[in-house]
């Protein structure tokens, strides 16, 4: 068994402001609150009613923006984005919000999610002359919006939305409107807030708290909200779906515990997952400790339900960057300890339960168990507050392909032996869903049970990419290798 990281990566955070004089500053703080959803790049676009002003950069929000850059982002409308790349490489060119100028004027877009038919749409657009500036699927939406209106669908936004498939929460900016869109299944969260006479859109409600905005409601799955000087209006361009498919990993791991999503407290859901873990896996132990920060609340729930004392035995270093050293085994071991270090005296001669949100590839969890046993723990029991991940995610979460998913290739007992744990328990699917409080068909559970709400064909995408590569090779072959000048055909 081999691995690199035990956690899936974050995806993206989106934020929008309408009708607030300090829109750029509010967006800066909104992105700060959503930093956990993406740390690779961030950007802000503002509108002064006539033109856009844009600032993007690689890295964390406070490292990109300062008083000077925010001062230059004038206007009372804004859209912002924090990015973790799940499609497209991690480059400045792919940083969002993306901006285009077309016949309808400038348009900016910030996207959280992943389009499952992106390869097919991009190929179709390129065959009709579209020239792409990035490798992210979000640009496809802009190209679709920029196309001439048709008699069947004169609205460019609705035309674009009827073509795309998959997971998306969008915040779109024109010079005088702010638009929020949530896909028909509601894979990704999006909420509406008020700040004085202005409006706010955000991936999570914790962003409202930071800027002093009040939560109004969630954008419903399949809903489009348009905010302008006349106020907010809503319409639903999609057929009514019989089911929802919010990614349940928002409650398990992604969202901040101080957020509320679709009416449910993330904090409460995680505590209740821990309580259910205690019912499903009662263990005679001396202490229960979380892997911070993702396991904190589930471990609290386990302790409250079971009576096993709660201890913070792992100390997290919040100032961890990427290592520039060659990945020798010594450096790998150090990098694991850089993120979390153990208070050895708490676990010596103790029977210890550690609670985490997931095991994806397994190496990091294995190192935690090893460090506990090296510190003198008599027993180490591993509990996970969700079921085993057996399937890749195609909707925008960096769960790897099936061959790299531990639970897709090994039995629970084989994983336990690989981890060197005395026992291993995963929360049941029913227990996880029950802890949130909505019916089973309210969530996307594809990474657990293989039920993908939006059909996706990896074979079709591969076929499209191979055809594109073949065309590129054919085009390149028409150039003289020495002069680099096109030959006469």
Foldseek 3Di string as FASTA:
>chain_A
DDDDDFDWAAFKKKKKKADAFLGLVLVLLLVVLQPRRAFFKKKKWAAALPDIDIFIDTGHSVVGDDPVSSVRGGHRIMMMMHGDDPWFDRDRQPYDQDWDQAPVGIKTKYKTKFWQCQLVLVVVLVVVPDDDRTGGSVVSLVSQLRDCADPVGRRSNLSSLVPTDFFIWMWMDGNFKTKTAGAQQRQFWKFWWDDVPMIMIISWCSSCVRVVIGTDGTQHHQKMWMQGPVGIDIDGSDDHDPFHAHALVCLQARPDQPTAGRRFRSLQLLLLLLLLLCVVDPDPWQEEEEPPPRNPNSSVSVCVNRVRHYDHFKDADPDDDDDPDDPDVVVSLVSLVNGIPGPLVVQAQTAYEYEHAGGFQQPSLLSVLVNSVVSHHPAYEYEHSAAAQQQDDNIGMPRDHNVRGPVNPDPLVVSCVSSVHPYYYYRDHVSSVVSRPDDPRHHNPCRHVVDGPTDHDPVVSVVSVVVVVVVVVVVCVQADPVVRDGDDD
